[in-house]
Amino acid sequence: METKLKKWGNSYGLLVSREEVKNLNIKENETITIEIKKKYDLSQLFGFCKFKRSVKEIMNEIKEGYDE
């Protein structure tokens, strides 16, 4: 499931949809464990890695293997 972090007073909270609560059979005041993963925008990594050869050279080398 995907949700947004919301500010509640001096704390933060996560909203869980009623449907998700029902599907997971979660009850009010029940202790649950949540795994949080941050969603990254991969476009920020563009140009981050520098190669000894150009990307065009690397792609041509990869294509050579498919011709056989």
N, C-alpha and C. Protein backbone atom coordinates (compact mmCIF):
# COMPACT_ATOMS: atom_id res chain seq x y z
N MET A 1 0.84 -1.18 0.00
CA MET A 1 0.00 0.00 0.00
C MET A 1 0.88 1.23 0.00
N GLU A 2 0.37 2.31 -0.49
CA GLU A 2 1.11 3.57 -0.54
C GLU A 2 0.28 4.62 0.18
N THR A 3 0.94 5.41 1.03
CA THR A 3 0.25 6.46 1.77
C THR A 3 1.21 7.63 1.97
N LYS A 4 0.70 8.74 2.49
CA LYS A 4 1.53 9.92 2.74
C LYS A 4 1.66 10.17 4.23
N LEU A 5 2.79 10.70 4.62
CA LEU A 5 3.04 11.09 6.00
C LEU A 5 2.35 12.42 6.26
N LYS A 6 1.56 12.49 7.33
CA LYS A 6 0.81 13.71 7.66
C LYS A 6 1.23 14.23 9.02
N LYS A 7 1.26 15.54 9.16
CA LYS A 7 1.58 16.18 10.44
C LYS A 7 0.32 16.21 11.29
N TRP A 8 0.41 15.70 12.53
CA TRP A 8 -0.68 15.72 13.50
C TRP A 8 -0.14 16.33 14.78
N GLY A 9 -0.39 17.61 14.99
CA GLY A 9 0.13 18.30 16.18
C GLY A 9 1.65 18.33 16.12
N ASN A 10 2.30 17.80 17.16
CA ASN A 10 3.76 17.75 17.21
C ASN A 10 4.30 16.43 16.68
N SER A 11 3.44 15.58 16.15
CA SER A 11 3.82 14.26 15.66
C SER A 11 3.48 14.11 14.19
N TYR A 12 3.76 12.95 13.67
CA TYR A 12 3.41 12.60 12.30
C TYR A 12 2.64 11.29 12.33
N GLY A 13 1.76 11.12 11.35
CA GLY A 13 0.96 9.90 11.30
C GLY A 13 0.78 9.43 9.87
N LEU A 14 0.42 8.16 9.75
CA LEU A 14 0.14 7.55 8.46
C LEU A 14 -1.32 7.17 8.41
N LEU A 15 -1.97 7.45 7.30
CA LEU A 15 -3.36 7.07 7.13
C LEU A 15 -3.43 5.73 6.42
N VAL A 16 -4.23 4.83 6.98
CA VAL A 16 -4.45 3.52 6.38
C VAL A 16 -5.92 3.46 5.98
N SER A 17 -6.19 3.14 4.74
CA SER A 17 -7.57 3.13 4.26
C SER A 17 -8.38 2.04 4.96
N ARG A 18 -9.67 2.27 5.07
CA ARG A 18 -10.58 1.31 5.69
C ARG A 18 -10.49 -0.04 4.96
N GLU A 19 -10.41 0.02 3.64
CA GLU A 19 -10.31 -1.21 2.84
C GLU A 19 -9.07 -2.01 3.20
N GLU A 20 -7.93 -1.32 3.37
CA GLU A 20 -6.68 -2.00 3.71
C GLU A 20 -6.76 -2.60 5.11
N VAL A 21 -7.36 -1.88 6.05
CA VAL A 21 -7.54 -2.38 7.41
C VAL A 21 -8.38 -3.66 7.38
N LYS A 22 -9.43 -3.63 6.59
CA LYS A 22 -10.32 -4.80 6.47
C LYS A 22 -9.58 -5.98 5.83
N ASN A 23 -8.84 -5.71 4.74
CA ASN A 23 -8.09 -6.77 4.05
C ASN A 23 -7.06 -7.43 4.95
N LEU A 24 -6.42 -6.63 5.81
CA LEU A 24 -5.37 -7.15 6.70
C LEU A 24 -5.93 -7.62 8.04
N ASN A 25 -7.23 -7.44 8.23
CA ASN A 25 -7.89 -7.83 9.48
C ASN A 25 -7.21 -7.17 10.70
N ILE A 26 -6.94 -5.87 10.59
CA ILE A 26 -6.33 -5.11 11.69
C ILE A 26 -7.45 -4.53 12.55
N LYS A 27 -7.27 -4.61 13.86
CA LYS A 27 -8.26 -4.09 14.80
C LYS A 27 -7.73 -2.82 15.46
N GLU A 28 -8.64 -1.96 15.90
CA GLU A 28 -8.27 -0.73 16.59
C GLU A 28 -7.45 -1.06 17.84
N ASN A 29 -6.40 -0.28 18.08
CA ASN A 29 -5.46 -0.42 19.20
C ASN A 29 -4.60 -1.67 19.12
N GLU A 30 -4.63 -2.37 18.01
CA GLU A 30 -3.77 -3.54 17.81
C GLU A 30 -2.37 -3.04 17.44
N THR A 31 -1.35 -3.68 17.99
CA THR A 31 0.03 -3.33 17.66
C THR A 31 0.40 -4.00 16.35
N ILE A 32 0.92 -3.21 15.42
CA ILE A 32 1.33 -3.73 14.11
C ILE A 32 2.75 -3.28 13.82
N THR A 33 3.41 -3.96 12.89
CA THR A 33 4.75 -3.59 12.45
C THR A 33 4.65 -3.08 11.02
N ILE A 34 5.29 -1.95 10.75
CA ILE A 34 5.24 -1.33 9.43
C ILE A 34 6.66 -1.20 8.90
N GLU A 35 6.88 -1.58 7.64
CA GLU A 35 8.16 -1.39 6.98
C GLU A 35 8.03 -0.17 6.08
N ILE A 36 8.91 0.80 6.27
CA ILE A 36 8.83 2.05 5.50
C ILE A 36 9.96 2.09 4.48
N LYS A 37 9.61 2.36 3.23
CA LYS A 37 10.59 2.52 2.16
C LYS A 37 10.31 3.86 1.48
N LYS A 38 11.34 4.64 1.32
CA LYS A 38 11.18 5.93 0.66
C LYS A 38 11.21 5.74 -0.85
N LYS A 39 10.32 6.41 -1.54
CA LYS A 39 10.24 6.36 -2.99
C LYS A 39 11.20 7.41 -3.55
N TYR A 40 12.11 6.99 -4.42
CA TYR A 40 13.11 7.91 -4.97
C TYR A 40 12.79 8.28 -6.41
N ASP A 41 13.14 9.48 -6.77
CA ASP A 41 13.02 9.94 -8.15
C ASP A 41 14.36 9.65 -8.83
N LEU A 42 14.38 8.63 -9.68
CA LEU A 42 15.63 8.21 -10.31
C LEU A 42 16.20 9.24 -11.27
N SER A 43 15.39 10.21 -11.70
CA SER A 43 15.91 11.24 -12.61
C SER A 43 16.98 12.08 -11.93
N GLN A 44 16.99 12.09 -10.59
CA GLN A 44 18.01 12.85 -9.86
C GLN A 44 19.39 12.20 -10.01
N LEU A 45 19.42 10.92 -10.39
CA LEU A 45 20.68 10.21 -10.54
C LEU A 45 21.28 10.35 -11.93
N PHE A 46 20.53 10.96 -12.87
CA PHE A 46 21.02 11.10 -14.24
C PHE A 46 22.34 11.87 -14.25
N GLY A 47 23.35 11.27 -14.86
CA GLY A 47 24.66 11.91 -14.95
C GLY A 47 25.50 11.72 -13.71
N PHE A 48 25.01 10.97 -12.73
CA PHE A 48 25.73 10.78 -11.47
C PHE A 48 26.98 9.92 -11.66
N CYS A 49 26.86 8.87 -12.47
CA CYS A 49 27.98 7.96 -12.70
C CYS A 49 28.75 8.39 -13.95
N LYS A 50 30.05 8.39 -13.85
CA LYS A 50 30.90 8.70 -15.00
C LYS A 50 31.57 7.41 -15.45
N PHE A 51 31.53 7.15 -16.76
CA PHE A 51 32.11 5.95 -17.32
C PHE A 51 33.38 6.29 -18.08
N LYS A 52 34.29 5.29 -18.20
CA LYS A 52 35.52 5.50 -18.96
C LYS A 52 35.23 5.58 -20.44
N ARG A 53 34.16 4.88 -20.87
CA ARG A 53 33.75 4.91 -22.28
C ARG A 53 32.39 5.60 -22.37
N SER A 54 32.05 6.04 -23.56
CA SER A 54 30.76 6.69 -23.74
C SER A 54 29.65 5.66 -23.65
N VAL A 55 28.46 6.10 -23.32
CA VAL A 55 27.30 5.23 -23.24
C VAL A 55 27.03 4.60 -24.61
N LYS A 56 27.26 5.36 -25.66
CA LYS A 56 27.05 4.85 -27.02
C LYS A 56 27.97 3.66 -27.30
N GLU A 57 29.23 3.76 -26.89
CA GLU A 57 30.17 2.65 -27.08
C GLU A 57 29.74 1.42 -26.30
N ILE A 58 29.29 1.61 -25.08
CA ILE A 58 28.84 0.51 -24.24
C ILE A 58 27.61 -0.16 -24.86
N MET A 59 26.66 0.63 -25.33
CA MET A 59 25.44 0.09 -25.94
C MET A 59 25.76 -0.68 -27.22
N ASN A 60 26.71 -0.19 -28.02
CA ASN A 60 27.12 -0.90 -29.24
C ASN A 60 27.74 -2.25 -28.89
N GLU A 61 28.51 -2.30 -27.82
CA GLU A 61 29.12 -3.55 -27.37
C GLU A 61 28.04 -4.54 -26.93
N ILE A 62 27.02 -4.06 -26.24
CA ILE A 62 25.92 -4.92 -25.81
C ILE A 62 25.17 -5.47 -27.01
N LYS A 63 24.92 -4.62 -28.00
CA LYS A 63 24.17 -5.03 -29.20
C LYS A 63 24.92 -6.11 -29.98
N GLU A 64 26.25 -6.07 -29.97
CA GLU A 64 27.05 -7.06 -30.71
C GLU A 64 26.73 -8.48 -30.26
N GLY A 65 26.48 -8.68 -29.01
CA GLY A 65 26.19 -10.01 -28.47
C GLY A 65 24.86 -10.57 -28.94
N TYR A 66 23.93 -9.71 -29.34
CA TYR A 66 22.62 -10.15 -29.79
C TYR A 66 22.58 -10.53 -31.25
N ASP A 67 23.60 -10.17 -32.01
CA ASP A 67 23.63 -10.47 -33.44
C ASP A 67 23.93 -11.95 -33.71
N GLU A 68 24.52 -12.64 -32.77
CA GLU A 68 24.94 -14.03 -32.98
C GLU A 68 23.79 -14.99 -32.93
